[in-house]
Amino acid sequence: MYAIYALCREVDNIADGPGEAAAKKRALAAWREEIDRLYAGRPEWPTTRALLRPVRRFGLPRREFLAVIDGMETDAAPTVRMRTLDDLLGYCRKVAGAVGVLSVHAFGVPRHPGPRIAETLGNALQLTNILRDVKEDAALERLYVPLEMLGRRGVVEEPSNAVLGHPGFGDACADLAGLARGYYAEADRLIAELGPRKIRPAVIMMAVYRDILDRLEDRGWQGAHDPIRLTRARKMWLALRSGFL
């Protein structure tokens, strides 16, 4: 798991770090080549060398690592817009669902309901991330709330900061929060079917992110707010509570 998350962190740092979009694209392309070398059994970089044995032991799917890189290419663009809800969910599948699928393989749950839990919970967590970070993302000209959802609330496509100030933006965020709630509920059902002890880290993560969504909803969606961050004590309490499931 450490090696999986280390790779995800490295490619995420490329997308979110400083630099021109073209340079980021080249760096991510180099990671694609390194994934090819990993699956050929001859990785060159420290993170992929650490992944060589887990790839073989757990059957980690190559396509999921490539999906993560696909998602980072979206984030590395000069501007980010999601035209439709399908576009957004496709993005969530790459940046969150793919990590989840790799994780359930490492947990030893490669078949139903493991991958479905990964995809459903990935949607829930990523939508929560998006709702938490709208102000920070807008400063980077990233707008993940789908334009079709904004349009239904009377919000037209404008620079991201202008969108955040539109009266209908809060309603669109509430719509997206309702969608996230549905994915959390579906993840609850699937995890109960599997047994939460088999994927306890995912259960703990779900508790933390669901608590963030609760706080976001309590605060309300109108206006450009700073992200909500949980204290270490709060995270520890949620982890302990979830650990006794």
Protein backbone atom coordinates (compact mmCIF):
# COMPACT_ATOMS: atom_id res chain seq x y z
CA MET A 1 0.00 0.00 0.00
CA TYR A 2 2.84 2.41 0.78
CA ALA A 3 4.30 1.88 -2.68
CA ILE A 4 0.92 2.36 -4.38
CA TYR A 5 0.30 5.62 -2.57
CA ALA A 6 3.86 6.77 -3.17
CA LEU A 7 3.37 6.45 -6.93
CA CYS A 8 0.04 8.27 -6.76
CA ARG A 9 1.64 11.05 -4.72
CA GLU A 10 4.47 11.47 -7.21
CA VAL A 11 2.21 11.85 -10.23
CA ASP A 12 -0.16 14.08 -8.25
CA ASN A 13 2.77 16.35 -7.39
CA ILE A 14 3.49 16.72 -11.10
CA ALA A 15 -0.08 17.82 -11.82
CA ASP A 16 -0.35 20.19 -8.86
CA GLY A 17 3.20 21.49 -8.84
CA PRO A 18 4.62 24.54 -10.63
CA GLY A 19 5.58 24.45 -14.27
CA GLU A 20 4.18 24.69 -17.77
CA ALA A 21 1.48 22.31 -18.93
CA ALA A 22 3.74 20.94 -21.69
CA ALA A 23 6.45 20.05 -19.18
CA LYS A 24 3.92 18.34 -16.95
CA LYS A 25 2.64 16.35 -19.90
CA ARG A 26 6.17 15.17 -20.69
CA ALA A 27 6.75 14.17 -17.08
CA LEU A 28 3.54 12.15 -17.00
CA ALA A 29 4.44 10.52 -20.32
CA ALA A 30 7.72 9.45 -18.71
CA TRP A 31 5.70 7.80 -15.95
CA ARG A 32 3.74 5.87 -18.57
CA GLU A 33 7.00 4.56 -19.96
CA GLU A 34 8.11 3.59 -16.47
CA ILE A 35 4.86 1.67 -15.89
CA ASP A 36 5.63 -0.23 -19.10
CA ARG A 37 9.08 -1.07 -17.73
CA LEU A 38 7.55 -2.12 -14.41
CA TYR A 39 5.26 -4.64 -16.08
CA ALA A 40 8.15 -5.84 -18.24
CA GLY A 41 9.99 -6.64 -15.01
CA ARG A 42 12.69 -3.97 -15.31
CA PRO A 43 11.62 -0.83 -13.43
CA GLU A 44 14.24 1.90 -13.09
CA TRP A 45 12.84 4.30 -10.50
CA PRO A 46 12.73 3.75 -6.70
CA THR A 47 8.93 3.80 -6.41
CA THR A 48 8.36 1.35 -9.24
CA ARG A 49 11.14 -0.93 -7.98
CA ALA A 50 9.24 -1.05 -4.69
CA LEU A 51 6.11 -2.02 -6.65
CA LEU A 52 7.68 -4.92 -8.56
CA ARG A 53 6.94 -7.59 -5.96
CA PRO A 54 3.44 -6.28 -5.07
CA VAL A 55 2.48 -6.21 -8.76
CA ARG A 56 3.35 -9.88 -9.03
CA ARG A 57 2.04 -10.94 -5.63
CA PHE A 58 -1.32 -9.19 -5.77
CA GLY A 59 -1.91 -9.04 -9.51
CA LEU A 60 -2.15 -5.25 -9.50
CA PRO A 61 -3.73 -4.25 -12.83
CA ARG A 62 -1.51 -2.18 -15.10
CA ARG A 63 -4.52 -0.33 -16.52
CA GLU A 64 -5.29 1.18 -13.09
CA PHE A 65 -1.87 2.82 -12.77
CA LEU A 66 -2.31 4.21 -16.27
CA ALA A 67 -5.79 5.45 -15.34
CA VAL A 68 -4.32 7.44 -12.44
CA ILE A 69 -1.87 9.07 -14.85
CA ASP A 70 -4.78 9.85 -17.22
CA GLY A 71 -6.50 11.68 -14.38
CA MET A 72 -3.37 13.64 -13.56
CA GLU A 73 -3.16 14.75 -17.19
CA THR A 74 -6.59 16.30 -16.76
CA ASP A 75 -5.44 18.19 -13.67
CA ALA A 76 -2.23 19.31 -15.38
CA ALA A 77 -4.08 21.21 -18.11
CA PRO A 78 -4.06 25.05 -17.95
CA THR A 79 -7.81 25.03 -17.26
CA VAL A 80 -10.12 22.25 -16.13
CA ARG A 81 -13.82 22.05 -16.95
CA MET A 82 -16.21 19.12 -16.66
CA ARG A 83 -18.91 19.48 -19.29
CA THR A 84 -21.22 16.73 -18.08
CA LEU A 85 -21.77 14.56 -15.05
CA ASP A 86 -20.46 11.61 -17.05
CA ASP A 87 -17.23 13.56 -17.63
CA LEU A 88 -16.91 14.15 -13.89
CA LEU A 89 -17.58 10.54 -12.96
CA GLY A 90 -15.08 9.40 -15.57
CA TYR A 91 -12.52 11.67 -13.95
CA CYS A 92 -13.39 10.32 -10.49
CA ARG A 93 -12.91 6.77 -11.77
CA LYS A 94 -9.38 7.66 -12.85
CA VAL A 95 -8.10 9.63 -9.88
CA ALA A 96 -9.94 7.84 -7.06
CA GLY A 97 -11.57 4.65 -8.32
CA ALA A 98 -8.32 3.39 -9.85
CA VAL A 99 -6.48 3.85 -6.55
CA GLY A 100 -9.31 2.00 -4.84
CA VAL A 101 -9.15 -0.92 -7.29
CA LEU A 102 -5.40 -1.24 -6.71
CA SER A 103 -6.06 -1.13 -2.97
CA VAL A 104 -8.70 -3.86 -2.91
CA HIS A 105 -6.32 -6.09 -4.84
CA ALA A 106 -3.73 -5.48 -2.12
CA PHE A 107 -6.39 -6.17 0.54
CA GLY A 108 -7.10 -9.51 -1.14
CA VAL A 109 -10.58 -8.62 -2.44
CA PRO A 110 -10.05 -8.54 -6.23
CA ARG A 111 -13.55 -9.84 -7.04
CA HIS A 112 -17.10 -8.75 -6.20
CA PRO A 113 -17.82 -6.63 -4.28
CA GLY A 114 -14.24 -5.34 -3.99
CA PRO A 115 -13.93 -3.42 -7.30
CA ARG A 116 -17.47 -2.08 -7.01
CA ILE A 117 -16.68 -0.79 -3.50
CA ALA A 118 -13.56 0.87 -4.88
CA GLU A 119 -15.44 2.65 -7.65
CA THR A 120 -18.43 3.67 -5.52
CA LEU A 121 -16.39 4.87 -2.58
CA GLY A 122 -13.95 6.55 -4.96
CA ASN A 123 -16.82 8.61 -6.36
CA ALA A 124 -17.99 9.56 -2.87
CA LEU A 125 -14.53 10.60 -1.67
CA GLN A 126 -13.60 12.52 -4.81
CA LEU A 127 -16.89 14.41 -4.91
CA THR A 128 -16.29 15.38 -1.28
CA ASN A 129 -12.79 16.53 -2.20
CA ILE A 130 -14.18 18.65 -5.02
CA LEU A 131 -16.76 20.28 -2.77
CA ARG A 132 -14.18 20.93 -0.07
CA ASP A 133 -11.63 22.50 -2.43
CA VAL A 134 -13.75 24.67 -4.74
CA LYS A 135 -12.01 27.89 -3.68
CA GLU A 136 -8.48 26.52 -4.06
CA ASP A 137 -9.34 24.88 -7.38
CA ALA A 138 -10.91 28.08 -8.72
CA ALA A 139 -7.65 29.92 -8.08
CA LEU A 140 -6.02 27.40 -10.43
CA GLU A 141 -8.82 27.75 -13.04
CA ARG A 142 -10.13 24.31 -12.17
CA LEU A 143 -13.89 23.86 -12.06
CA TYR A 144 -15.04 20.32 -11.41
CA VAL A 145 -18.74 20.98 -10.80
CA PRO A 146 -20.19 19.96 -14.20
CA LEU A 147 -21.28 22.77 -16.47
CA GLU A 148 -24.55 20.96 -17.18
CA MET A 149 -25.37 20.98 -13.43
CA LEU A 150 -24.41 24.64 -13.18
CA GLY A 151 -26.54 25.46 -16.21
CA ARG A 152 -29.60 23.93 -14.58
CA ARG A 153 -29.07 26.40 -11.73
CA GLY A 154 -28.69 29.35 -14.08
CA VAL A 155 -24.89 29.55 -13.87
CA VAL A 156 -23.15 30.29 -17.17
CA GLU A 157 -19.54 29.38 -17.95
CA GLU A 158 -17.25 32.15 -16.76
CA PRO A 159 -13.84 32.41 -15.07
CA SER A 160 -13.91 30.09 -12.08
CA ASN A 161 -13.90 32.78 -9.41
CA ALA A 162 -16.90 34.47 -11.04
CA VAL A 163 -18.78 31.16 -11.05
CA LEU A 164 -18.22 30.78 -7.31
CA GLY A 165 -19.94 34.12 -6.70
CA HIS A 166 -23.05 33.28 -8.72
CA PRO A 167 -26.22 32.80 -6.61
CA GLY A 168 -26.91 29.44 -8.24
CA PHE A 169 -23.48 27.98 -7.52
CA GLY A 170 -24.43 26.93 -4.00
CA ASP A 171 -27.47 25.08 -5.31
CA ALA A 172 -25.30 23.18 -7.80
CA CYS A 173 -22.92 22.23 -4.97
CA ALA A 174 -25.88 20.99 -2.94
CA ASP A 175 -26.91 18.85 -5.92
CA LEU A 176 -23.41 17.38 -6.08
CA ALA A 177 -23.43 16.75 -2.33
CA GLY A 178 -26.66 14.79 -2.71
CA LEU A 179 -24.99 12.66 -5.35
CA ALA A 180 -22.06 12.02 -3.00
CA ARG A 181 -24.50 10.97 -0.28
CA GLY A 182 -25.94 8.39 -2.63
CA TYR A 183 -22.50 6.93 -3.28
CA TYR A 184 -21.73 6.78 0.44
CA ALA A 185 -24.99 4.89 0.99
CA GLU A 186 -24.15 2.44 -1.79
CA ALA A 187 -20.65 1.96 -0.36
CA ASP A 188 -22.22 1.24 3.06
CA ARG A 189 -24.35 -1.50 1.52
CA LEU A 190 -21.46 -3.11 -0.35
CA ILE A 191 -19.12 -2.95 2.64
CA ALA A 192 -21.75 -4.59 4.84
CA GLU A 193 -22.02 -7.35 2.23
CA LEU A 194 -18.27 -7.91 2.29
CA GLY A 195 -17.61 -7.33 5.99
CA PRO A 196 -15.93 -4.06 7.05
CA ARG A 197 -12.99 -5.72 8.79
CA LYS A 198 -11.65 -6.92 5.45
CA ILE A 199 -11.09 -3.37 4.20
CA ARG A 200 -10.81 -1.42 7.45
CA PRO A 201 -8.53 1.33 6.03
CA ALA A 202 -11.18 2.16 3.43
CA VAL A 203 -13.87 2.21 6.12
CA ILE A 204 -11.81 4.65 8.18
CA MET A 205 -11.22 6.88 5.16
CA MET A 206 -14.94 6.88 4.41
CA ALA A 207 -15.71 7.98 7.97
CA VAL A 208 -13.26 10.89 7.73
CA TYR A 209 -14.53 12.14 4.39
CA ARG A 210 -18.16 11.72 5.32
CA ASP A 211 -17.50 13.86 8.39
CA ILE A 212 -16.03 16.54 6.11
CA LEU A 213 -19.15 16.42 3.94
CA ASP A 214 -21.33 16.76 7.05
CA ARG A 215 -19.44 19.90 8.05
CA LEU A 216 -19.59 21.35 4.55
CA GLU A 217 -23.35 20.90 4.47
CA ASP A 218 -23.72 22.43 7.93
CA ARG A 219 -21.72 25.48 6.81
CA GLY A 220 -23.66 25.91 3.59
CA TRP A 221 -22.56 26.21 -0.01
CA GLN A 222 -22.94 29.87 -0.88
CA GLY A 223 -19.75 31.86 -1.22
CA ALA A 224 -16.07 31.00 -1.64
CA HIS A 225 -15.06 29.34 1.62
CA ASP A 226 -11.70 28.02 2.72
CA PRO A 227 -11.50 24.22 2.87
CA ILE A 228 -12.64 22.42 6.00
CA ARG A 229 -9.80 20.50 7.64
CA LEU A 230 -10.31 18.01 10.44
CA THR A 231 -8.02 18.12 13.45
CA ARG A 232 -5.74 15.17 14.14
CA ALA A 233 -7.77 14.42 17.27
CA ARG A 234 -10.98 14.29 15.25
CA LYS A 235 -9.40 11.98 12.68
CA MET A 236 -8.10 9.70 15.41
CA TRP A 237 -11.53 9.54 17.05
CA LEU A 238 -13.17 8.66 13.73
CA ALA A 239 -10.51 6.03 13.06
CA LEU A 240 -10.99 4.45 16.47
CA ARG A 241 -14.75 4.44 16.12
CA SER A 242 -14.54 2.88 12.67
CA GLY A 243 -11.94 0.36 13.83
CA PHE A 244 -14.44 -1.24 16.18
CA LEU A 245 -16.94 -2.05 13.40
